[in-house]
Amino acid sequence: MSNERTISTATDSTIGTTSVLKDFLALIKIGIVNSNMITTFTGLFLAFQFTGRNFLHHIDLLVFALGGSGLIIAGSAALNNLIDRDIDPIMSRTKARPTVTGRFKAPAVWTLAFTFIVAGEILLYAASPAAAFWGLAGIFSYVVLYSMWSKRRYVSNTIVGSISGAIPPLIGWAAVEPALGAGAWALFLIMFIWQPPHFYALAMRRTEEYRAANIPMLPVVKGFARTKKSMLVWVLLLFPLPFLLTELGIGFLILATVLNIGWLYLALRGFKAKEDLKWATAMFIYSLNYMTILFVAMIIFSIFV
C-alpha cells in the first residue's frame, strides 16, 4: 500500500511539473519565440557574411543577440497574454492560456515579463546599443501599438502588428552592424509583407471566434472576398523583395521567385475555392513553409556565394 502511495505521489509530481512547464511555455508563446529567433539569427548571420567578419570570432555577439531577443520576445508575449486575458476565454485557440485558467496570476506575469524584458535589453545592449534600441522598438510596437492600441480598434491591426514581427532581423543585424545595411531593411520588408497574408489566413479560420471577441479582423469586418483580394496584393508585393538581396546569388533569387509563384498560384485559387476554410488552411501552411525555407536558404546561400 505504501509503495502504491509513493508511486502515485511521484506520478502526480511529474504530471504537475509537466503541466507547469507547459503553461509557462504557453505564457511566453514559445512558438512565436522560436520563429522569431530564426529571423533574428538570419539577420545576424547575414550581417557577418556581408561585412566579411568571421562568425566564429564573435560568438559573444551570437549569445547576447539571441539570448536578449528570446527574452524580450518572451516577456512581450507574456504581457500580451495578460492584456488579452478578458477576451481569450471566448476563443477556443486561447481559452486554455494560463492567464485565463489562473495558473499564472497577474502579479507573477508582470514580474516575469518585466524581468525578462530588462534582462533581455541588458544582453542586447552588451551586443550593441543599436540592438537594444531595436529591441525596445519591437517591444513598444507589439505591446503598445498592437496589443493595447490597434488590436481591438482597427481593421488595420494586423498591419500594425506586422511592424513588431519584422523587427527581429534588424536586432540581429544591428548586433553586428549597428548602422544597418540595405540587406537588413530587405529582411525587414520581407517579414513585414509576409505577415498580413499569413495572419489573414489564420483569421479566416477563426472568423467567428474573432467576431465573438469583438476583434475587428479583416475577414470579420470586410468579409472573405475582400480578405482574399488583400492577401493577393500582399503576396504580389513580395515578388521584387528578393532582388534586394542580390549578394546571395542567382540561385537564391530563383528559389525565392519559385516560392513566390507558388504562393501566388495558391492565392489565385482562392477566388474559385468552394471551401474557403480549407483554402485558408492551405494558405496558412504554405506561409509557414515559405518563411522557413526562405530564411534557411538565405543562410545557406550566404555561405556559398
C-alpha atoms as a PDB file:
ATOM      1  CA  MET A   1       0.000   0.000   0.000  1.00  0.00           C
ATOM      2  CA  SER A   2       2.802   2.412   0.864  1.00  0.00           C
ATOM      3  CA  ASN A   3       4.514   1.554  -2.436  1.00  0.00           C
ATOM      4  CA  GLU A   4       1.328   2.395  -4.356  1.00  0.00           C
ATOM      5  CA  ARG A   5       1.051   5.704  -2.499  1.00  0.00           C
ATOM      6  CA  THR A   6       4.701   6.509  -3.268  1.00  0.00           C
ATOM      7  CA  ILE A   7       4.263   5.713  -6.964  1.00  0.00           C
ATOM      8  CA  SER A   8       1.054   7.765  -7.093  1.00  0.00           C
ATOM      9  CA  THR A   9       2.727  10.767  -5.426  1.00  0.00           C
ATOM     10  CA  ALA A  10       5.710  10.580  -7.781  1.00  0.00           C
ATOM     11  CA  THR A  11       3.385  10.367 -10.795  1.00  0.00           C
ATOM     12  CA  ASP A  12       1.321  13.351  -9.620  1.00  0.00           C
ATOM     13  CA  SER A  13       4.519  15.328  -9.083  1.00  0.00           C
ATOM     14  CA  THR A  14       5.740  14.540 -12.606  1.00  0.00           C
ATOM     15  CA  ILE A  15       2.393  15.485 -14.118  1.00  0.00           C
ATOM     16  CA  GLY A  16       2.330  18.706 -12.101  1.00  0.00           C
ATOM     17  CA  THR A  17       5.851  19.652 -13.213  1.00  0.00           C
ATOM     18  CA  THR A  18       4.995  18.903 -16.833  1.00  0.00           C
ATOM     19  CA  SER A  19       1.826  20.973 -16.584  1.00  0.00           C
ATOM     20  CA  VAL A  20       3.675  23.961 -15.096  1.00  0.00           C
ATOM     21  CA  LEU A  21       6.275  23.802 -17.858  1.00  0.00           C
ATOM     22  CA  LYS A  22       3.555  23.549 -20.497  1.00  0.00           C
ATOM     23  CA  ASP A  23       1.744  26.549 -19.023  1.00  0.00           C
ATOM     24  CA  PHE A  24       4.973  28.545 -18.835  1.00  0.00           C
ATOM     25  CA  LEU A  25       5.759  27.843 -22.491  1.00  0.00           C
ATOM     26  CA  ALA A  26       2.203  28.859 -23.400  1.00  0.00           C
ATOM     27  CA  LEU A  27       2.584  32.058 -21.380  1.00  0.00           C
ATOM     28  CA  ILE A  28       5.694  33.143 -23.278  1.00  0.00           C
ATOM     29  CA  LYS A  29       4.288  31.842 -26.598  1.00  0.00           C
ATOM     30  CA  ILE A  30       7.236  29.576 -27.282  1.00  0.00           C
ATOM     31  CA  GLY A  31       6.206  29.069 -30.920  1.00  0.00           C
ATOM     32  CA  ILE A  32       6.480  32.798 -31.581  1.00  0.00           C
ATOM     33  CA  VAL A  33       9.772  32.960 -29.681  1.00  0.00           C
ATOM     34  CA  ASN A  34      11.244  30.142 -31.782  1.00  0.00           C
ATOM     35  CA  SER A  35      10.105  31.536 -35.132  1.00  0.00           C
ATOM     36  CA  ASN A  36      11.450  34.984 -34.308  1.00  0.00           C
ATOM     37  CA  MET A  37      14.748  33.510 -33.199  1.00  0.00           C
ATOM     38  CA  ILE A  38      15.155  32.124 -36.715  1.00  0.00           C
ATOM     39  CA  THR A  39      14.750  35.561 -38.278  1.00  0.00           C
ATOM     40  CA  THR A  40      16.979  37.184 -35.642  1.00  0.00           C
ATOM     41  CA  PHE A  41      19.721  34.662 -36.344  1.00  0.00           C
ATOM     42  CA  THR A  42      19.343  35.181 -40.091  1.00  0.00           C
ATOM     43  CA  GLY A  43      19.818  38.922 -39.695  1.00  0.00           C
ATOM     44  CA  LEU A  44      22.872  38.390 -37.510  1.00  0.00           C
ATOM     45  CA  PHE A  45      24.413  35.761 -39.784  1.00  0.00           C
ATOM     46  CA  LEU A  46      23.891  37.751 -42.985  1.00  0.00           C
ATOM     47  CA  ALA A  47      25.424  40.817 -41.333  1.00  0.00           C
ATOM     48  CA  PHE A  48      28.543  38.758 -40.602  1.00  0.00           C
ATOM     49  CA  GLN A  49      28.662  37.469 -44.166  1.00  0.00           C
ATOM     50  CA  PHE A  50      28.014  40.807 -45.837  1.00  0.00           C
ATOM     51  CA  THR A  51      30.593  42.665 -43.718  1.00  0.00           C
ATOM     52  CA  GLY A  52      33.245  39.984 -44.135  1.00  0.00           C
ATOM     53  CA  ARG A  53      33.610  39.277 -40.421  1.00  0.00           C
ATOM     54  CA  ASN A  54      34.344  35.799 -39.091  1.00  0.00           C
ATOM     55  CA  PHE A  55      31.282  34.386 -37.364  1.00  0.00           C
ATOM     56  CA  LEU A  56      33.330  32.111 -35.093  1.00  0.00           C
ATOM     57  CA  HIS A  57      35.341  35.046 -33.747  1.00  0.00           C
ATOM     58  CA  HIS A  58      32.223  36.734 -32.363  1.00  0.00           C
ATOM     59  CA  ILE A  59      30.302  34.001 -30.541  1.00  0.00           C
ATOM     60  CA  ASP A  60      29.660  36.526 -27.773  1.00  0.00           C
ATOM     61  CA  LEU A  61      27.509  38.591 -30.145  1.00  0.00           C
ATOM     62  CA  LEU A  62      25.537  35.467 -31.023  1.00  0.00           C
ATOM     63  CA  VAL A  63      24.863  34.713 -27.352  1.00  0.00           C
ATOM     64  CA  PHE A  64      23.946  38.304 -26.486  1.00  0.00           C
ATOM     65  CA  ALA A  65      21.742  38.867 -29.555  1.00  0.00           C
ATOM     66  CA  LEU A  66      19.849  35.571 -29.468  1.00  0.00           C
ATOM     67  CA  GLY A  67      19.590  35.429 -25.683  1.00  0.00           C
ATOM     68  CA  GLY A  68      18.418  39.034 -25.466  1.00  0.00           C
ATOM     69  CA  SER A  69      15.956  38.671 -28.329  1.00  0.00           C
ATOM     70  CA  GLY A  70      14.479  35.497 -26.895  1.00  0.00           C
ATOM     71  CA  LEU A  71      13.954  37.141 -23.508  1.00  0.00           C
ATOM     72  CA  ILE A  72      12.300  40.329 -24.771  1.00  0.00           C
ATOM     73  CA  ILE A  73      10.024  38.381 -27.122  1.00  0.00           C
ATOM     74  CA  ALA A  74       9.023  36.019 -24.310  1.00  0.00           C
ATOM     75  CA  GLY A  75       8.410  38.940 -21.953  1.00  0.00           C
ATOM     76  CA  SER A  76       6.364  40.832 -24.524  1.00  0.00           C
ATOM     77  CA  ALA A  77       4.304  37.724 -25.282  1.00  0.00           C
ATOM     78  CA  ALA A  78       3.553  37.297 -21.577  1.00  0.00           C
ATOM     79  CA  LEU A  79       2.343  40.906 -21.423  1.00  0.00           C
ATOM     80  CA  ASN A  80       0.163  40.280 -24.477  1.00  0.00           C
ATOM     81  CA  ASN A  81      -1.427  37.297 -22.711  1.00  0.00           C
ATOM     82  CA  LEU A  82      -2.055  39.465 -19.667  1.00  0.00           C
ATOM     83  CA  ILE A  83      -3.621  42.242 -21.728  1.00  0.00           C
ATOM     84  CA  ASP A  84      -5.881  39.793 -23.583  1.00  0.00           C
ATOM     85  CA  ARG A  85      -6.992  37.720 -20.604  1.00  0.00           C
ATOM     86  CA  ASP A  86     -10.515  39.213 -20.800  1.00  0.00           C
ATOM     87  CA  ILE A  87     -11.103  38.131 -24.418  1.00  0.00           C
ATOM     88  CA  ASP A  88      -9.045  34.930 -24.556  1.00  0.00           C
ATOM     89  CA  PRO A  89     -11.761  32.829 -22.827  1.00  0.00           C
ATOM     90  CA  ILE A  90     -14.054  33.489 -25.813  1.00  0.00           C
ATOM     91  CA  MET A  91     -11.739  31.857 -28.336  1.00  0.00           C
ATOM     92  CA  SER A  92     -11.056  28.112 -28.373  1.00  0.00           C
ATOM     93  CA  ARG A  93      -7.479  28.747 -29.521  1.00  0.00           C
ATOM     94  CA  THR A  94      -6.700  30.858 -26.447  1.00  0.00           C
ATOM     95  CA  LYS A  95      -9.111  29.796 -23.716  1.00  0.00           C
ATOM     96  CA  ALA A  96      -6.596  27.411 -22.119  1.00  0.00           C
ATOM     97  CA  ARG A  97      -3.871  30.033 -21.722  1.00  0.00           C
ATOM     98  CA  PRO A  98      -2.501  30.137 -18.162  1.00  0.00           C
ATOM     99  CA  THR A  99      -3.578  33.765 -17.743  1.00  0.00           C
ATOM    100  CA  VAL A 100      -7.148  32.596 -18.407  1.00  0.00           C
ATOM    101  CA  THR A 101      -7.103  29.452 -16.285  1.00  0.00           C
ATOM    102  CA  GLY A 102      -5.500  31.332 -13.407  1.00  0.00           C
ATOM    103  CA  ARG A 103      -2.397  29.119 -13.334  1.00  0.00           C
ATOM    104  CA  PHE A 104      -0.331  32.323 -13.577  1.00  0.00           C
ATOM    105  CA  LYS A 105      -1.676  35.275 -11.595  1.00  0.00           C
ATOM    106  CA  ALA A 106      -1.319  38.843 -12.883  1.00  0.00           C
ATOM    107  CA  PRO A 107       1.392  39.955 -10.392  1.00  0.00           C
ATOM    108  CA  ALA A 108       3.516  36.930 -11.272  1.00  0.00           C
ATOM    109  CA  VAL A 109       3.106  37.582 -15.002  1.00  0.00           C
ATOM    110  CA  TRP A 110       4.047  41.257 -14.609  1.00  0.00           C
ATOM    111  CA  THR A 111       7.135  40.307 -12.610  1.00  0.00           C
ATOM    112  CA  LEU A 112       8.216  37.610 -15.043  1.00  0.00           C
ATOM    113  CA  ALA A 113       7.569  39.757 -18.121  1.00  0.00           C
ATOM    114  CA  PHE A 114       9.484  42.788 -16.914  1.00  0.00           C
ATOM    115  CA  THR A 115      12.324  40.660 -15.566  1.00  0.00           C
ATOM    116  CA  PHE A 116      12.673  39.001 -18.956  1.00  0.00           C
ATOM    117  CA  ILE A 117      12.472  42.323 -20.802  1.00  0.00           C
ATOM    118  CA  VAL A 118      15.046  44.056 -18.604  1.00  0.00           C
ATOM    119  CA  ALA A 119      17.429  41.087 -18.737  1.00  0.00           C
ATOM    120  CA  GLY A 120      16.944  40.847 -22.494  1.00  0.00           C
ATOM    121  CA  GLU A 121      17.678  44.522 -23.021  1.00  0.00           C
ATOM    122  CA  ILE A 122      20.859  44.240 -20.966  1.00  0.00           C
ATOM    123  CA  LEU A 123      22.042  41.386 -23.170  1.00  0.00           C
ATOM    124  CA  LEU A 124      21.144  43.269 -26.338  1.00  0.00           C
ATOM    125  CA  TYR A 125      22.999  46.342 -25.105  1.00  0.00           C
ATOM    126  CA  ALA A 126      26.027  44.149 -24.493  1.00  0.00           C
ATOM    127  CA  ALA A 127      25.860  43.253 -28.191  1.00  0.00           C
ATOM    128  CA  SER A 128      25.382  46.877 -29.278  1.00  0.00           C
ATOM    129  CA  PRO A 129      23.316  49.899 -28.215  1.00  0.00           C
ATOM    130  CA  ALA A 130      21.635  49.749 -31.625  1.00  0.00           C
ATOM    131  CA  ALA A 131      20.454  46.189 -30.964  1.00  0.00           C
ATOM    132  CA  ALA A 132      18.997  47.343 -27.634  1.00  0.00           C
ATOM    133  CA  PHE A 133      17.255  50.254 -29.380  1.00  0.00           C
ATOM    134  CA  TRP A 134      15.610  47.977 -31.936  1.00  0.00           C
ATOM    135  CA  GLY A 135      14.668  45.636 -29.118  1.00  0.00           C
ATOM    136  CA  LEU A 136      12.805  48.476 -27.404  1.00  0.00           C
ATOM    137  CA  ALA A 137      11.167  49.370 -30.721  1.00  0.00           C
ATOM    138  CA  GLY A 138       9.934  45.796 -31.055  1.00  0.00           C
ATOM    139  CA  ILE A 139       8.572  45.732 -27.502  1.00  0.00           C
ATOM    140  CA  PHE A 140       6.771  49.062 -27.945  1.00  0.00           C
ATOM    141  CA  SER A 141       5.259  48.149 -31.314  1.00  0.00           C
ATOM    142  CA  TYR A 142       3.980  44.776 -30.082  1.00  0.00           C
ATOM    143  CA  VAL A 143       2.796  45.635 -26.576  1.00  0.00           C
ATOM    144  CA  VAL A 144       1.621  49.219 -27.049  1.00  0.00           C
ATOM    145  CA  LEU A 145       0.880  49.810 -30.735  1.00  0.00           C
ATOM    146  CA  TYR A 146      -0.614  46.379 -31.379  1.00  0.00           C
ATOM    147  CA  SER A 147      -1.824  44.770 -28.127  1.00  0.00           C
ATOM    148  CA  MET A 148      -3.009  47.880 -26.286  1.00  0.00           C
ATOM    149  CA  TRP A 149      -3.986  50.226 -29.127  1.00  0.00           C
ATOM    150  CA  SER A 150      -4.881  48.792 -32.523  1.00  0.00           C
ATOM    151  CA  LYS A 151      -5.915  45.165 -31.962  1.00  0.00           C
ATOM    152  CA  ARG A 152      -9.398  45.947 -30.626  1.00  0.00           C
ATOM    153  CA  ARG A 153      -9.999  49.184 -32.534  1.00  0.00           C
ATOM    154  CA  TYR A 154      -8.908  48.991 -36.157  1.00  0.00           C
ATOM    155  CA  VAL A 155      -9.168  46.570 -39.051  1.00  0.00           C
ATOM    156  CA  SER A 156      -5.562  47.523 -39.830  1.00  0.00           C
ATOM    157  CA  ASN A 157      -4.448  45.850 -36.583  1.00  0.00           C
ATOM    158  CA  THR A 158      -2.701  43.058 -38.497  1.00  0.00           C
ATOM    159  CA  ILE A 159      -0.602  45.563 -40.436  1.00  0.00           C
ATOM    160  CA  VAL A 160       0.309  47.407 -37.236  1.00  0.00           C
ATOM    161  CA  GLY A 161       1.235  44.099 -35.616  1.00  0.00           C
ATOM    162  CA  SER A 162       3.452  43.271 -38.574  1.00  0.00           C
ATOM    163  CA  ILE A 163       5.868  46.021 -37.532  1.00  0.00           C
ATOM    164  CA  SER A 164       6.951  44.159 -34.411  1.00  0.00           C
ATOM    165  CA  GLY A 165       7.190  40.861 -36.287  1.00  0.00           C
ATOM    166  CA  ALA A 166       9.572  42.425 -38.801  1.00  0.00           C
ATOM    167  CA  ILE A 167      11.988  43.887 -36.237  1.00  0.00           C
ATOM    168  CA  PRO A 168      13.868  40.730 -35.050  1.00  0.00           C
ATOM    169  CA  PRO A 169      16.096  40.604 -38.184  1.00  0.00           C
ATOM    170  CA  LEU A 170      17.052  44.232 -37.502  1.00  0.00           C
ATOM    171  CA  ILE A 171      18.036  43.320 -33.943  1.00  0.00           C
ATOM    172  CA  GLY A 172      20.272  40.509 -35.168  1.00  0.00           C
ATOM    173  CA  TRP A 173      21.822  42.670 -37.877  1.00  0.00           C
ATOM    174  CA  ALA A 174      22.357  45.640 -35.518  1.00  0.00           C
ATOM    175  CA  ALA A 175      24.282  43.400 -33.117  1.00  0.00           C
ATOM    176  CA  VAL A 176      26.938  43.078 -35.845  1.00  0.00           C
ATOM    177  CA  GLU A 177      26.484  46.242 -37.923  1.00  0.00           C
ATOM    178  CA  PRO A 178      24.760  48.949 -35.829  1.00  0.00           C
ATOM    179  CA  ALA A 179      24.270  51.273 -38.804  1.00  0.00           C
ATOM    180  CA  LEU A 180      22.183  48.582 -40.592  1.00  0.00           C
ATOM    181  CA  GLY A 181      22.883  47.799 -44.209  1.00  0.00           C
ATOM    182  CA  ALA A 182      20.453  47.594 -47.118  1.00  0.00           C
ATOM    183  CA  GLY A 183      20.213  43.851 -46.512  1.00  0.00           C
ATOM    184  CA  ALA A 184      18.782  44.462 -43.049  1.00  0.00           C
ATOM    185  CA  TRP A 185      15.945  46.536 -44.462  1.00  0.00           C
ATOM    186  CA  ALA A 186      15.320  43.915 -47.131  1.00  0.00           C
ATOM    187  CA  LEU A 187      14.767  41.357 -44.357  1.00  0.00           C
ATOM    188  CA  PHE A 188      12.505  43.813 -42.543  1.00  0.00           C
ATOM    189  CA  LEU A 189      10.367  44.340 -45.653  1.00  0.00           C
ATOM    190  CA  ILE A 190      10.119  40.610 -46.387  1.00  0.00           C
ATOM    191  CA  MET A 191       8.969  39.898 -42.841  1.00  0.00           C
ATOM    192  CA  PHE A 192       6.591  42.863 -42.801  1.00  0.00           C
ATOM    193  CA  ILE A 193       4.871  41.979 -46.077  1.00  0.00           C
ATOM    194  CA  TRP A 194       4.790  38.239 -45.360  1.00  0.00           C
ATOM    195  CA  GLN A 195       2.728  38.658 -42.192  1.00  0.00           C
ATOM    196  CA  PRO A 196      -0.641  40.033 -43.448  1.00  0.00           C
ATOM    197  CA  PRO A 197      -1.444  37.091 -45.793  1.00  0.00           C
ATOM    198  CA  HIS A 198      -0.173  34.701 -43.131  1.00  0.00           C
ATOM    199  CA  PHE A 199      -2.373  36.111 -40.369  1.00  0.00           C
ATOM    200  CA  TYR A 200      -5.372  36.793 -42.616  1.00  0.00           C
ATOM    201  CA  ALA A 201      -5.399  33.069 -43.434  1.00  0.00           C
ATOM    202  CA  LEU A 202      -5.469  32.320 -39.716  1.00  0.00           C
ATOM    203  CA  ALA A 203      -8.157  34.951 -39.160  1.00  0.00           C
ATOM    204  CA  MET A 204     -10.376  33.373 -41.839  1.00  0.00           C
ATOM    205  CA  ARG A 205     -10.178  30.061 -39.994  1.00  0.00           C
ATOM    206  CA  ARG A 206     -11.111  31.785 -36.712  1.00  0.00           C
ATOM    207  CA  THR A 207     -13.531  34.393 -38.021  1.00  0.00           C
ATOM    208  CA  GLU A 208     -16.446  33.530 -35.751  1.00  0.00           C
ATOM    209  CA  GLU A 209     -14.230  33.479 -32.697  1.00  0.00           C
ATOM    210  CA  TYR A 210     -12.803  36.894 -33.536  1.00  0.00           C
ATOM    211  CA  ARG A 211     -16.345  38.140 -34.151  1.00  0.00           C
ATOM    212  CA  ALA A 212     -17.481  36.868 -30.750  1.00  0.00           C
ATOM    213  CA  ALA A 213     -14.476  38.543 -29.104  1.00  0.00           C
ATOM    214  CA  ASN A 214     -15.236  41.785 -30.992  1.00  0.00           C
ATOM    215  CA  ILE A 215     -11.809  41.872 -32.629  1.00  0.00           C
ATOM    216  CA  PRO A 216     -12.061  43.753 -35.965  1.00  0.00           C
ATOM    217  CA  MET A 217     -10.008  41.365 -38.090  1.00  0.00           C
ATOM    218  CA  LEU A 218     -10.286  41.896 -41.842  1.00  0.00           C
ATOM    219  CA  PRO A 219     -12.457  38.788 -42.529  1.00  0.00           C
ATOM    220  CA  VAL A 220     -14.817  39.859 -39.744  1.00  0.00           C
ATOM    221  CA  VAL A 221     -15.230  43.452 -40.936  1.00  0.00           C
ATOM    222  CA  LYS A 222     -14.842  43.142 -44.722  1.00  0.00           C
ATOM    223  CA  GLY A 223     -15.681  39.501 -45.413  1.00  0.00           C
ATOM    224  CA  PHE A 224     -13.820  36.675 -47.125  1.00  0.00           C
ATOM    225  CA  ALA A 225     -13.909  38.087 -50.664  1.00  0.00           C
ATOM    226  CA  ARG A 226     -12.223  41.317 -49.605  1.00  0.00           C
ATOM    227  CA  THR A 227      -9.714  39.384 -47.499  1.00  0.00           C
ATOM    228  CA  LYS A 228      -8.720  37.218 -50.472  1.00  0.00           C
ATOM    229  CA  LYS A 229      -8.065  40.314 -52.592  1.00  0.00           C
ATOM    230  CA  SER A 230      -5.922  41.812 -49.856  1.00  0.00           C
ATOM    231  CA  MET A 231      -3.945  38.595 -49.457  1.00  0.00           C
ATOM    232  CA  LEU A 232      -3.284  38.523 -53.197  1.00  0.00           C
ATOM    233  CA  VAL A 233      -1.929  42.081 -53.139  1.00  0.00           C
ATOM    234  CA  TRP A 234       0.407  41.337 -50.242  1.00  0.00           C
ATOM    235  CA  VAL A 235       1.736  38.202 -51.960  1.00  0.00           C
ATOM    236  CA  LEU A 236       2.394  40.206 -55.139  1.00  0.00           C
ATOM    237  CA  LEU A 237       4.343  42.765 -53.114  1.00  0.00           C
ATOM    238  CA  LEU A 238       6.786  40.018 -52.113  1.00  0.00           C
ATOM    239  CA  PHE A 239       7.984  39.434 -55.690  1.00  0.00           C
ATOM    240  CA  PRO A 240      10.560  42.258 -56.004  1.00  0.00           C
ATOM    241  CA  LEU A 241      11.979  41.906 -52.488  1.00  0.00           C
ATOM    242  CA  PRO A 242      14.434  39.011 -53.073  1.00  0.00           C
ATOM    243  CA  PHE A 243      16.163  41.221 -55.635  1.00  0.00           C
ATOM    244  CA  LEU A 244      17.219  43.492 -52.782  1.00  0.00           C
ATOM    245  CA  LEU A 245      19.478  40.595 -51.733  1.00  0.00           C
ATOM    246  CA  THR A 246      21.386  40.024 -54.961  1.00  0.00           C
ATOM    247  CA  GLU A 247      24.518  39.322 -52.882  1.00  0.00           C
ATOM    248  CA  LEU A 248      23.018  35.905 -52.174  1.00  0.00           C
ATOM    249  CA  GLY A 249      23.337  34.940 -55.811  1.00  0.00           C
ATOM    250  CA  ILE A 250      21.149  33.814 -58.687  1.00  0.00           C
ATOM    251  CA  GLY A 251      20.282  30.517 -57.004  1.00  0.00           C
ATOM    252  CA  PHE A 252      18.604  32.313 -54.118  1.00  0.00           C
ATOM    253  CA  LEU A 253      16.734  34.641 -56.461  1.00  0.00           C
ATOM    254  CA  ILE A 254      15.391  31.667 -58.428  1.00  0.00           C
ATOM    255  CA  LEU A 255      14.327  29.804 -55.273  1.00  0.00           C
ATOM    256  CA  ALA A 256      12.631  32.879 -53.788  1.00  0.00           C
ATOM    257  CA  THR A 257      10.805  33.587 -57.042  1.00  0.00           C
ATOM    258  CA  VAL A 258       9.607  29.976 -57.276  1.00  0.00           C
ATOM    259  CA  LEU A 259       8.280  30.244 -53.710  1.00  0.00           C
ATOM    260  CA  ASN A 260       6.512  33.479 -54.603  1.00  0.00           C
ATOM    261  CA  ILE A 261       4.981  31.965 -57.724  1.00  0.00           C
ATOM    262  CA  GLY A 262       3.730  29.012 -55.704  1.00  0.00           C
ATOM    263  CA  TRP A 263       2.103  31.314 -53.156  1.00  0.00           C
ATOM    264  CA  LEU A 264       0.617  33.470 -55.921  1.00  0.00           C
ATOM    265  CA  TYR A 265      -0.882  30.406 -57.590  1.00  0.00           C
ATOM    266  CA  LEU A 266      -2.432  29.317 -54.317  1.00  0.00           C
ATOM    267  CA  ALA A 267      -3.748  32.833 -53.643  1.00  0.00           C
ATOM    268  CA  LEU A 268      -5.401  32.964 -57.077  1.00  0.00           C
ATOM    269  CA  ARG A 269      -7.046  29.593 -56.498  1.00  0.00           C
ATOM    270  CA  GLY A 270      -8.821  31.142 -53.538  1.00  0.00           C
ATOM    271  CA  PHE A 271     -11.170  33.068 -55.841  1.00  0.00           C
ATOM    272  CA  LYS A 272     -12.571  29.782 -57.143  1.00  0.00           C
ATOM    273  CA  ALA A 273     -12.325  27.818 -53.917  1.00  0.00           C
ATOM    274  CA  LYS A 274     -15.503  26.004 -52.927  1.00  0.00           C
ATOM    275  CA  GLU A 275     -14.329  25.543 -49.353  1.00  0.00           C
ATOM    276  CA  ASP A 276     -12.906  28.815 -48.076  1.00  0.00           C
ATOM    277  CA  LEU A 277     -11.701  27.436 -44.758  1.00  0.00           C
ATOM    278  CA  LYS A 278      -9.871  24.550 -46.424  1.00  0.00           C
ATOM    279  CA  TRP A 279      -8.201  27.032 -48.774  1.00  0.00           C
ATOM    280  CA  ALA A 280      -7.301  29.343 -45.866  1.00  0.00           C
ATOM    281  CA  THR A 281      -5.679  26.403 -44.084  1.00  0.00           C
ATOM    282  CA  ALA A 282      -3.597  25.653 -47.188  1.00  0.00           C
ATOM    283  CA  MET A 283      -2.542  29.321 -47.372  1.00  0.00           C
ATOM    284  CA  PHE A 284      -1.581  29.298 -43.704  1.00  0.00           C
ATOM    285  CA  ILE A 285       0.522  26.136 -44.027  1.00  0.00           C
ATOM    286  CA  TYR A 286       2.192  27.425 -47.192  1.00  0.00           C
ATOM    287  CA  SER A 287       3.094  30.691 -45.470  1.00  0.00           C
ATOM    288  CA  LEU A 288       4.829  28.828 -42.632  1.00  0.00           C
ATOM    289  CA  ASN A 289       6.829  26.680 -45.042  1.00  0.00           C
ATOM    290  CA  TYR A 290       7.576  29.726 -47.202  1.00  0.00           C
ATOM    291  CA  MET A 291       9.183  31.663 -44.367  1.00  0.00           C
ATOM    292  CA  THR A 292      11.138  28.712 -43.014  1.00  0.00           C
ATOM    293  CA  ILE A 293      12.537  27.727 -46.413  1.00  0.00           C
ATOM    294  CA  LEU A 294      13.311  31.314 -47.429  1.00  0.00           C
ATOM    295  CA  PHE A 295      15.226  32.249 -44.291  1.00  0.00           C
ATOM    296  CA  VAL A 296      17.143  28.974 -44.074  1.00  0.00           C
ATOM    297  CA  ALA A 297      18.017  29.421 -47.755  1.00  0.00           C
ATOM    298  CA  MET A 298      19.383  32.892 -47.032  1.00  0.00           C
ATOM    299  CA  ILE A 299      21.820  31.442 -44.529  1.00  0.00           C
ATOM    300  CA  ILE A 300      22.885  28.590 -46.821  1.00  0.00           C
ATOM    301  CA  PHE A 301      23.359  30.756 -49.928  1.00  0.00           C
ATOM    302  CA  SER A 302      25.269  33.386 -47.937  1.00  0.00           C
ATOM    303  CA  ILE A 303      27.848  30.715 -47.059  1.00  0.00           C
ATOM    304  CA  PHE A 304      28.450  29.502 -50.596  1.00  0.00           C
ATOM    305  CA  VAL A 305      28.284  32.658 -52.699  1.00  0.00           C
END
